[in-house]
């Protein structure tokens, strides 16, 4: 039985995030995505990408919703679930 991949390729990360490979390459060039280079190949450790996206999600929530809903959010591994709970609490 094959083990799941521990790294994304540029193509697999673009597919998962719903963006173009050009966007991924731009983010790498600008130093915005955690990655490793193996020769000329670029790989994205899945755990680091997940942590990075969670940080971006939390940062985005805190920036766009200062005060209100963001104060009810707790840092979890599933930001969407936390966000949904906060909306239900507020309603």
N, C-alpha and C. Protein backbone atom coordinates (compact mmCIF):
# COMPACT_ATOMS: atom_id res chain seq x y z
N UNK A 1 0.84 -1.18 0.00
CA UNK A 1 0.00 0.00 0.00
C UNK A 1 0.89 1.25 0.00
N UNK A 2 0.65 2.13 -0.91
CA UNK A 2 1.46 3.35 -1.04
C UNK A 2 1.12 4.34 0.07
N UNK A 3 2.16 4.97 0.59
CA UNK A 3 1.95 6.01 1.61
C UNK A 3 1.55 7.30 0.92
N UNK A 4 0.71 8.11 1.59
CA UNK A 4 0.35 9.40 1.00
C UNK A 4 1.59 10.29 0.89
N UNK A 5 1.61 11.10 -0.15
CA UNK A 5 2.74 12.00 -0.37
C UNK A 5 2.85 13.00 0.78
N UNK A 6 4.08 13.31 1.18
CA UNK A 6 4.31 14.27 2.25
C UNK A 6 4.55 15.67 1.70
N UNK A 7 4.65 15.76 0.38
CA UNK A 7 4.93 17.04 -0.27
C UNK A 7 3.98 17.28 -1.42
N UNK A 8 3.69 18.53 -1.66
CA UNK A 8 2.95 18.94 -2.86
C UNK A 8 3.96 19.30 -3.94
N UNK A 9 3.56 19.10 -5.18
CA UNK A 9 4.27 19.68 -6.30
C UNK A 9 3.60 21.02 -6.59
N UNK A 10 4.18 21.79 -7.49
CA UNK A 10 3.55 23.06 -7.88
C UNK A 10 2.13 22.79 -8.40
N UNK A 11 2.01 21.79 -9.26
CA UNK A 11 0.71 21.48 -9.85
C UNK A 11 -0.30 21.01 -8.80
N UNK A 12 0.11 20.11 -7.90
CA UNK A 12 -0.85 19.60 -6.91
C UNK A 12 -1.28 20.69 -5.92
N UNK A 13 -0.35 21.58 -5.57
CA UNK A 13 -0.70 22.68 -4.67
C UNK A 13 -1.66 23.65 -5.35
N UNK A 14 -1.40 23.96 -6.60
CA UNK A 14 -2.29 24.86 -7.36
C UNK A 14 -3.69 24.25 -7.45
N UNK A 15 -3.77 22.96 -7.71
CA UNK A 15 -5.08 22.30 -7.79
C UNK A 15 -5.80 22.34 -6.45
N UNK A 16 -5.08 22.06 -5.37
CA UNK A 16 -5.70 22.06 -4.05
C UNK A 16 -6.21 23.45 -3.65
N UNK A 17 -5.43 24.48 -4.00
CA UNK A 17 -5.81 25.85 -3.63
C UNK A 17 -6.73 26.52 -4.64
N UNK A 18 -6.91 25.88 -5.79
CA UNK A 18 -7.80 26.45 -6.81
C UNK A 18 -7.21 27.68 -7.48
N UNK A 19 -5.91 27.65 -7.72
CA UNK A 19 -5.26 28.77 -8.40
C UNK A 19 -4.36 28.22 -9.50
N UNK A 20 -3.72 29.10 -10.22
CA UNK A 20 -2.86 28.68 -11.32
C UNK A 20 -1.45 28.34 -10.83
N UNK A 21 -0.75 27.56 -11.63
CA UNK A 21 0.64 27.26 -11.31
C UNK A 21 1.48 28.53 -11.40
N UNK A 22 1.11 29.45 -12.27
CA UNK A 22 1.82 30.73 -12.38
C UNK A 22 1.74 31.48 -11.05
N UNK A 23 0.57 31.47 -10.43
CA UNK A 23 0.41 32.13 -9.14
C UNK A 23 1.31 31.49 -8.09
N UNK A 24 1.38 30.16 -8.08
CA UNK A 24 2.24 29.45 -7.13
C UNK A 24 3.70 29.84 -7.36
N UNK A 25 4.14 29.84 -8.62
CA UNK A 25 5.52 30.23 -8.92
C UNK A 25 5.80 31.68 -8.47
N UNK A 26 4.83 32.57 -8.67
CA UNK A 26 5.00 33.96 -8.22
C UNK A 26 5.14 34.04 -6.70
N UNK A 27 4.33 33.27 -5.98
CA UNK A 27 4.40 33.26 -4.52
C UNK A 27 5.75 32.72 -4.04
N UNK A 28 6.28 31.72 -4.74
CA UNK A 28 7.59 31.17 -4.40
C UNK A 28 8.67 32.23 -4.65
N UNK A 29 8.61 32.87 -5.81
CA UNK A 29 9.61 33.88 -6.16
C UNK A 29 9.62 35.03 -5.16
N UNK A 30 8.44 35.39 -4.65
CA UNK A 30 8.32 36.49 -3.69
C UNK A 30 8.59 36.04 -2.25
N UNK A 31 8.89 34.74 -2.07
CA UNK A 31 9.20 34.23 -0.74
C UNK A 31 8.00 34.10 0.17
N UNK A 32 6.81 33.97 -0.39
CA UNK A 32 5.60 33.93 0.43
C UNK A 32 5.13 32.53 0.80
N UNK A 33 5.60 31.50 0.09
CA UNK A 33 5.19 30.14 0.38
C UNK A 33 6.38 29.32 0.88
N UNK A 34 6.20 28.57 1.97
CA UNK A 34 7.29 27.70 2.43
C UNK A 34 7.51 26.59 1.41
N UNK A 35 8.75 26.40 1.01
CA UNK A 35 9.06 25.39 0.00
C UNK A 35 10.51 24.93 0.13
N UNK A 36 10.81 23.85 -0.55
CA UNK A 36 12.18 23.39 -0.65
C UNK A 36 12.47 23.15 -2.13
N UNK A 37 13.71 23.32 -2.51
CA UNK A 37 14.13 23.05 -3.88
C UNK A 37 14.98 21.80 -3.87
N UNK A 38 14.68 20.91 -4.76
CA UNK A 38 15.46 19.70 -4.96
C UNK A 38 15.92 19.75 -6.42
N UNK A 39 17.14 20.18 -6.61
CA UNK A 39 17.61 20.44 -7.97
C UNK A 39 16.80 21.59 -8.53
N UNK A 40 16.14 21.35 -9.64
CA UNK A 40 15.29 22.40 -10.23
C UNK A 40 13.82 22.23 -9.85
N UNK A 41 13.51 21.19 -9.07
CA UNK A 41 12.13 20.94 -8.65
C UNK A 41 11.80 21.70 -7.36
N UNK A 42 10.57 22.12 -7.25
CA UNK A 42 10.09 22.80 -6.05
C UNK A 42 9.08 21.88 -5.38
N UNK A 43 9.24 21.69 -4.09
CA UNK A 43 8.31 20.88 -3.30
C UNK A 43 7.83 21.69 -2.11
N UNK A 44 6.59 21.41 -1.71
CA UNK A 44 5.96 22.11 -0.60
C UNK A 44 5.57 21.08 0.46
N UNK A 45 6.29 21.03 1.58
CA UNK A 45 5.91 20.09 2.64
C UNK A 45 4.47 20.35 3.09
N UNK A 46 3.64 19.32 3.03
CA UNK A 46 2.22 19.49 3.33
C UNK A 46 1.97 20.07 4.71
N UNK A 47 2.73 19.63 5.70
CA UNK A 47 2.53 20.15 7.07
C UNK A 47 2.83 21.64 7.13
N UNK A 48 3.92 22.08 6.48
CA UNK A 48 4.25 23.51 6.50
C UNK A 48 3.21 24.34 5.75
N UNK A 49 2.69 23.81 4.66
CA UNK A 49 1.65 24.52 3.91
C UNK A 49 0.39 24.65 4.74
N UNK A 50 0.02 23.57 5.43
CA UNK A 50 -1.17 23.62 6.29
C UNK A 50 -1.00 24.66 7.40
N UNK A 51 0.16 24.68 8.04
CA UNK A 51 0.43 25.67 9.08
C UNK A 51 0.40 27.09 8.52
N UNK A 52 1.01 27.27 7.37
CA UNK A 52 1.05 28.58 6.72
C UNK A 52 -0.38 29.05 6.39
N UNK A 53 -1.20 28.18 5.83
CA UNK A 53 -2.57 28.56 5.48
C UNK A 53 -3.39 28.88 6.72
N UNK A 54 -3.20 28.11 7.80
CA UNK A 54 -3.90 28.41 9.05
C UNK A 54 -3.50 29.78 9.59
N UNK A 55 -2.20 30.10 9.52
CA UNK A 55 -1.74 31.42 9.97
C UNK A 55 -2.33 32.53 9.10
N UNK A 56 -2.37 32.30 7.79
CA UNK A 56 -2.93 33.30 6.88
C UNK A 56 -4.42 33.49 7.15
N UNK A 57 -5.13 32.39 7.38
CA UNK A 57 -6.56 32.44 7.68
C UNK A 57 -6.80 33.25 8.95
N UNK A 58 -6.03 32.95 10.00
CA UNK A 58 -6.21 33.66 11.27
C UNK A 58 -5.86 35.13 11.11
N UNK A 59 -4.79 35.42 10.41
CA UNK A 59 -4.37 36.80 10.20
C UNK A 59 -5.42 37.57 9.41
N UNK A 60 -5.98 36.93 8.40
CA UNK A 60 -7.00 37.56 7.58
C UNK A 60 -8.24 37.87 8.40
N UNK A 61 -8.64 36.93 9.25
CA UNK A 61 -9.81 37.16 10.09
C UNK A 61 -9.58 38.30 11.07
N UNK A 62 -8.40 38.32 11.67
CA UNK A 62 -8.09 39.36 12.64
C UNK A 62 -8.02 40.74 11.99
N UNK A 63 -7.51 40.80 10.76
CA UNK A 63 -7.36 42.07 10.07
C UNK A 63 -8.71 42.62 9.60
N UNK A 64 -9.54 41.74 9.04
CA UNK A 64 -10.79 42.22 8.44
C UNK A 64 -11.93 42.36 9.43
N UNK A 65 -11.83 41.72 10.59
CA UNK A 65 -12.93 41.76 11.54
C UNK A 65 -12.47 42.18 12.93
N UNK A 66 -11.67 43.20 13.01
CA UNK A 66 -11.15 43.63 14.30
C UNK A 66 -12.29 43.88 15.28
N UNK A 67 -12.10 43.36 16.47
CA UNK A 67 -13.11 43.54 17.50
C UNK A 67 -14.17 42.48 17.44
N UNK A 68 -15.25 42.70 16.75
CA UNK A 68 -16.43 41.84 16.65
C UNK A 68 -16.19 40.35 16.70
N UNK A 69 -16.38 39.70 15.60
CA UNK A 69 -16.34 38.25 15.54
C UNK A 69 -14.96 37.71 15.87
N UNK A 70 -13.90 38.38 15.45
CA UNK A 70 -12.56 37.81 15.64
C UNK A 70 -12.22 37.58 17.10
N UNK A 71 -12.81 38.33 18.01
CA UNK A 71 -12.50 38.11 19.43
C UNK A 71 -13.09 36.81 19.93
N UNK A 72 -14.08 36.28 19.23
CA UNK A 72 -14.69 35.03 19.65
C UNK A 72 -13.98 33.82 19.07
N UNK A 73 -13.09 34.02 18.13
CA UNK A 73 -12.42 32.91 17.48
C UNK A 73 -11.29 32.37 18.34
N UNK A 74 -11.17 31.08 18.30
CA UNK A 74 -10.02 30.45 18.95
C UNK A 74 -9.21 29.78 17.87
N UNK A 75 -7.91 29.73 18.08
CA UNK A 75 -7.04 29.11 17.09
C UNK A 75 -7.25 27.60 17.13
N UNK A 76 -7.73 27.06 16.04
CA UNK A 76 -7.93 25.63 15.93
C UNK A 76 -7.32 25.17 14.63
N UNK A 77 -7.29 23.87 14.44
CA UNK A 77 -6.76 23.35 13.18
C UNK A 77 -7.79 23.51 12.07
N UNK A 78 -9.03 23.79 12.41
CA UNK A 78 -10.06 23.99 11.41
C UNK A 78 -10.66 25.38 11.57
N UNK A 79 -10.06 26.36 10.93
CA UNK A 79 -10.51 27.74 11.04
C UNK A 79 -11.94 27.93 10.58
N UNK A 80 -12.36 27.21 9.54
CA UNK A 80 -13.72 27.37 9.02
C UNK A 80 -14.74 26.97 10.08
N UNK A 81 -14.48 25.87 10.78
CA UNK A 81 -15.40 25.42 11.83
C UNK A 81 -15.46 26.46 12.95
N UNK A 82 -14.33 27.01 13.32
CA UNK A 82 -14.27 28.03 14.36
C UNK A 82 -15.05 29.27 13.93
N UNK A 83 -14.86 29.66 12.68
CA UNK A 83 -15.56 30.82 12.14
C UNK A 83 -17.06 30.59 12.16
N UNK A 84 -17.51 29.38 11.77
CA UNK A 84 -18.93 29.06 11.77
C UNK A 84 -19.49 29.13 13.18
N UNK A 85 -18.76 28.58 14.17
CA UNK A 85 -19.23 28.65 15.56
C UNK A 85 -19.37 30.08 16.01
N UNK A 86 -18.42 30.93 15.62
CA UNK A 86 -18.47 32.33 16.02
C UNK A 86 -19.70 33.02 15.43
N UNK A 87 -20.01 32.71 14.18
CA UNK A 87 -21.20 33.31 13.55
C UNK A 87 -22.46 32.85 14.26
N UNK A 88 -22.53 31.56 14.61
CA UNK A 88 -23.71 31.05 15.30
C UNK A 88 -23.85 31.68 16.68
N UNK A 89 -22.73 31.88 17.37
CA UNK A 89 -22.75 32.50 18.69
C UNK A 89 -23.25 33.92 18.62
N UNK A 90 -22.83 34.62 17.58
CA UNK A 90 -23.18 36.04 17.43
C UNK A 90 -24.65 36.23 17.06
N UNK A 91 -25.21 35.28 16.33
CA UNK A 91 -26.60 35.41 15.82
C UNK A 91 -27.63 35.32 16.91
